Amino acid sequence: MNKLLVAAFAVASLIPTVASAQDTTADGSRKFGIDPYVGLMGGYEGFESNPGGGIPSSVRGDRLKGGLVEGVAGVNIPIGAFFVGAEGHAAKGFTGDIDWEYGVHGRAGVRAGETGLFYGKVGYRWVNFDRYGTDSRDFGRISYGIGGEFGPKAIGLDGLVKKEGVRFRTEITTTGDFNTVRPMFGVIGHF
């Protein structure tokens, strides 16, 4: 019985050592944990002009479009070479027909190198259009897309920030029946 107790104690004392040795990747970033972030993005969205494409008031040739500035906040949960996460966003149109957009998405993907991420996302987005006046309702649909993030080191700016700092993000999404194209580019701060 004493030998079994000593063996169990020895194994139990090794678990934290092994776990702490495996908490980071070769570059020092976390393998497991919580990785919160915030960011600012800009881009453009154009909606399909076919009537009934999810926007009840649209008519053929009435292509709704506009430039966007967007704030994002979310959290990634690294799982070894992979990650999962959730993200919320709010965007304001600065040109064209879009007034506001907001939504929430789940993300999953792979980690690449020291600061890179490639991911897919799916969620729900609501859009409000300037064209339909101040009392217009929000039009909502499922949205999905793909994207990637990379740190300054990946483009030759080694000394600009730490590994766990700023990343550049590019992504493209579409929204349900709207048949939209929404390319975005921005800066994400991980902490």
Protein backbone atom coordinates (compact mmCIF):
# COMPACT_ATOMS: atom_id res chain seq x y z
CA MET A 1 0.00 0.00 0.00
CA ASN A 2 2.83 2.42 0.88
CA LYS A 3 4.60 1.70 -2.43
CA LEU A 4 1.39 2.48 -4.31
CA LEU A 5 0.93 5.73 -2.37
CA VAL A 6 4.55 6.79 -3.04
CA ALA A 7 4.18 5.95 -6.77
CA ALA A 8 0.91 7.92 -6.99
CA PHE A 9 2.53 10.90 -5.24
CA ALA A 10 5.53 10.76 -7.62
CA VAL A 11 3.29 10.69 -10.72
CA ALA A 12 1.09 13.48 -9.33
CA SER A 13 4.13 15.68 -8.69
CA LEU A 14 5.31 15.24 -12.31
CA ILE A 15 1.99 16.33 -13.87
CA PRO A 16 2.44 20.09 -13.20
CA THR A 17 6.03 19.93 -14.52
CA VAL A 18 4.96 18.20 -17.75
CA ALA A 19 1.93 20.49 -18.13
CA SER A 20 3.98 23.66 -17.65
CA ALA A 21 6.56 22.44 -20.17
CA GLN A 22 3.82 21.95 -22.74
CA ASP A 23 1.93 25.23 -22.11
CA THR A 24 3.96 27.09 -24.74
CA THR A 25 4.99 26.48 -28.32
CA ALA A 26 8.58 26.69 -29.57
CA ASP A 27 8.12 30.44 -30.15
CA GLY A 28 6.89 31.08 -26.59
CA SER A 29 3.19 31.65 -27.40
CA ARG A 30 0.58 29.82 -25.34
CA LYS A 31 -0.69 26.42 -26.49
CA PHE A 32 -3.64 26.49 -24.12
CA GLY A 33 -5.49 29.27 -22.31
CA ILE A 34 -7.53 32.28 -23.27
CA ASP A 35 -6.40 34.86 -25.83
CA PRO A 36 -8.65 37.99 -25.76
CA TYR A 37 -8.36 40.62 -28.47
CA VAL A 38 -9.84 43.87 -29.82
CA GLY A 39 -9.39 45.46 -33.21
CA LEU A 40 -10.30 48.05 -35.79
CA MET A 41 -11.05 47.11 -39.40
CA GLY A 42 -12.11 48.82 -42.58
CA GLY A 43 -13.60 47.58 -45.81
CA TYR A 44 -16.49 47.50 -48.21
CA GLU A 45 -19.74 45.57 -48.60
CA GLY A 46 -21.89 45.21 -51.70
CA PHE A 47 -25.29 43.49 -51.67
CA GLU A 48 -26.77 41.49 -54.54
CA SER A 49 -29.25 43.53 -56.60
CA ASN A 50 -31.76 40.71 -57.20
CA PRO A 51 -35.15 41.44 -55.60
CA GLY A 52 -36.06 39.22 -52.68
CA GLY A 53 -32.43 38.52 -51.85
CA GLY A 54 -33.17 38.99 -48.16
CA ILE A 55 -33.82 42.75 -48.31
CA PRO A 56 -37.58 43.19 -48.79
CA SER A 57 -37.44 46.74 -50.20
CA SER A 58 -34.80 46.06 -52.86
CA VAL A 59 -35.60 46.22 -56.56
CA ARG A 60 -33.58 45.00 -59.54
CA GLY A 61 -30.63 47.29 -60.15
CA ASP A 62 -30.89 48.76 -56.63
CA ARG A 63 -27.41 47.63 -55.53
CA LEU A 64 -26.89 48.55 -51.89
CA LYS A 65 -23.23 49.07 -51.00
CA GLY A 66 -20.86 51.10 -48.90
CA GLY A 67 -17.62 51.54 -47.02
CA LEU A 68 -17.39 50.35 -43.42
CA VAL A 69 -15.36 51.03 -40.28
CA GLU A 70 -15.68 48.18 -37.78
CA GLY A 71 -14.71 47.47 -34.20
CA VAL A 72 -14.25 43.82 -33.16
CA ALA A 73 -13.76 42.15 -29.78
CA GLY A 74 -13.38 38.48 -29.07
CA VAL A 75 -11.55 35.65 -27.47
CA ASN A 76 -9.58 32.73 -28.90
CA ILE A 77 -8.98 29.51 -27.02
CA PRO A 78 -5.75 27.91 -28.29
CA ILE A 79 -5.82 24.11 -28.44
CA GLY A 80 -2.32 23.13 -29.50
CA ALA A 81 -1.92 23.96 -33.18
CA PHE A 82 -5.65 24.82 -33.46
CA PHE A 83 -7.96 27.36 -31.88
CA VAL A 84 -11.67 28.09 -31.39
CA GLY A 85 -13.24 31.36 -30.39
CA ALA A 86 -16.10 33.83 -30.40
CA GLU A 87 -16.22 37.37 -31.72
CA GLY A 88 -18.63 40.30 -31.74
CA HIS A 89 -18.51 43.30 -34.04
CA ALA A 90 -20.18 46.62 -34.75
CA ALA A 91 -19.63 48.54 -38.00
CA LYS A 92 -20.62 52.02 -39.16
CA GLY A 93 -21.05 52.87 -42.82
CA PHE A 94 -19.16 55.98 -43.88
CA THR A 95 -20.12 56.03 -47.58
CA GLY A 96 -22.99 54.53 -49.53
CA ASP A 97 -26.18 52.90 -48.30
CA ILE A 98 -25.17 51.09 -45.09
CA ASP A 99 -25.89 52.80 -41.76
CA TRP A 100 -24.95 50.16 -39.13
CA GLU A 101 -24.00 46.48 -38.98
CA TYR A 102 -23.53 44.32 -35.91
CA GLY A 103 -23.24 40.63 -35.18
CA VAL A 104 -21.59 37.71 -33.45
CA HIS A 105 -19.55 34.83 -34.92
CA GLY A 106 -17.85 31.64 -33.83
CA ARG A 107 -14.37 31.04 -35.23
CA ALA A 108 -12.18 27.96 -35.61
CA GLY A 109 -8.86 27.52 -37.33
CA VAL A 110 -5.20 26.69 -37.24
CA ARG A 111 -2.21 28.54 -35.88
CA ALA A 112 0.68 29.13 -38.29
CA GLY A 113 4.16 30.17 -37.23
CA GLU A 114 4.68 32.60 -34.37
CA THR A 115 1.70 34.90 -34.91
CA GLY A 116 -0.30 33.53 -37.83
CA LEU A 117 -3.90 32.31 -37.78
CA PHE A 118 -6.07 30.93 -40.58
CA TYR A 119 -9.75 30.52 -39.74
CA GLY A 120 -13.30 30.02 -40.83
CA LYS A 121 -16.19 31.80 -39.14
CA VAL A 122 -19.96 31.48 -38.99
CA GLY A 123 -22.53 33.55 -37.12
CA TYR A 124 -25.32 36.07 -37.50
CA ARG A 125 -25.16 39.64 -38.82
CA TRP A 126 -27.76 42.43 -38.78
CA VAL A 127 -27.65 45.35 -41.22
CA ASN A 128 -29.47 48.69 -41.20
CA PHE A 129 -29.55 50.83 -44.35
CA ASP A 130 -29.49 54.64 -44.62
CA ARG A 131 -31.53 54.43 -47.82
CA TYR A 132 -34.64 53.24 -45.98
CA GLY A 133 -34.71 56.11 -43.46
CA THR A 134 -34.16 56.43 -39.74
CA ASP A 135 -37.08 54.15 -38.83
CA SER A 136 -36.02 51.23 -41.04
CA ARG A 137 -35.69 47.83 -39.43
CA ASP A 138 -32.51 45.76 -39.20
CA PHE A 139 -32.18 42.93 -41.72
CA GLY A 140 -30.49 39.86 -40.27
CA ARG A 141 -29.07 36.67 -41.77
CA ILE A 142 -26.50 33.97 -41.14
CA SER A 143 -23.04 35.02 -42.27
CA TYR A 144 -19.86 33.07 -42.87
CA GLY A 145 -16.36 33.65 -44.14
CA ILE A 146 -12.64 32.94 -44.06
CA GLY A 147 -9.68 34.97 -42.94
CA GLY A 148 -6.16 35.15 -41.66
CA GLU A 149 -3.99 37.08 -39.23
CA PHE A 150 -0.25 37.63 -39.30
CA GLY A 151 2.20 39.53 -37.13
CA PRO A 152 4.61 42.24 -38.27
CA LYS A 153 7.52 39.76 -38.18
CA ALA A 154 5.89 37.83 -41.04
CA ILE A 155 6.32 40.87 -43.31
CA GLY A 156 9.80 41.89 -42.16
CA LEU A 157 8.90 44.28 -39.32
CA ASP A 158 10.59 42.19 -36.59
CA GLY A 159 11.20 44.91 -33.99
CA LEU A 160 7.83 46.67 -34.25
CA VAL A 161 5.93 44.71 -31.57
CA LYS A 162 6.17 41.60 -29.39
CA LYS A 163 4.86 38.19 -30.51
CA GLU A 164 1.73 38.58 -28.39
CA GLY A 165 0.85 42.04 -29.65
CA VAL A 166 -0.41 43.50 -32.87
CA ARG A 167 -1.53 41.37 -35.81
CA PHE A 168 -2.84 42.37 -39.19
CA ARG A 169 -6.10 40.70 -40.29
CA THR A 170 -7.67 40.20 -43.68
CA GLU A 171 -10.95 38.39 -44.25
CA ILE A 172 -13.85 38.02 -46.64
CA THR A 173 -17.39 37.19 -45.57
CA THR A 174 -20.84 36.87 -47.09
CA THR A 175 -24.28 37.06 -45.55
CA GLY A 176 -27.02 34.46 -46.17
CA ASP A 177 -29.59 35.32 -48.84
CA PHE A 178 -28.06 38.75 -49.32
CA ASN A 179 -25.33 37.26 -51.52
CA THR A 180 -22.89 39.90 -50.34
CA VAL A 181 -19.18 40.30 -50.74
CA ARG A 182 -17.49 41.88 -47.72
CA PRO A 183 -13.67 42.15 -47.84
CA MET A 184 -12.15 43.70 -44.69
CA PHE A 185 -8.63 44.56 -43.51
CA GLY A 186 -7.51 45.77 -40.08
CA VAL A 187 -5.30 45.71 -37.03
CA ILE A 188 -5.97 43.37 -34.08
CA GLY A 189 -4.42 43.78 -30.63
CA HIS A 190 -4.04 40.55 -28.63
CA PHE A 191 -3.43 40.75 -24.89
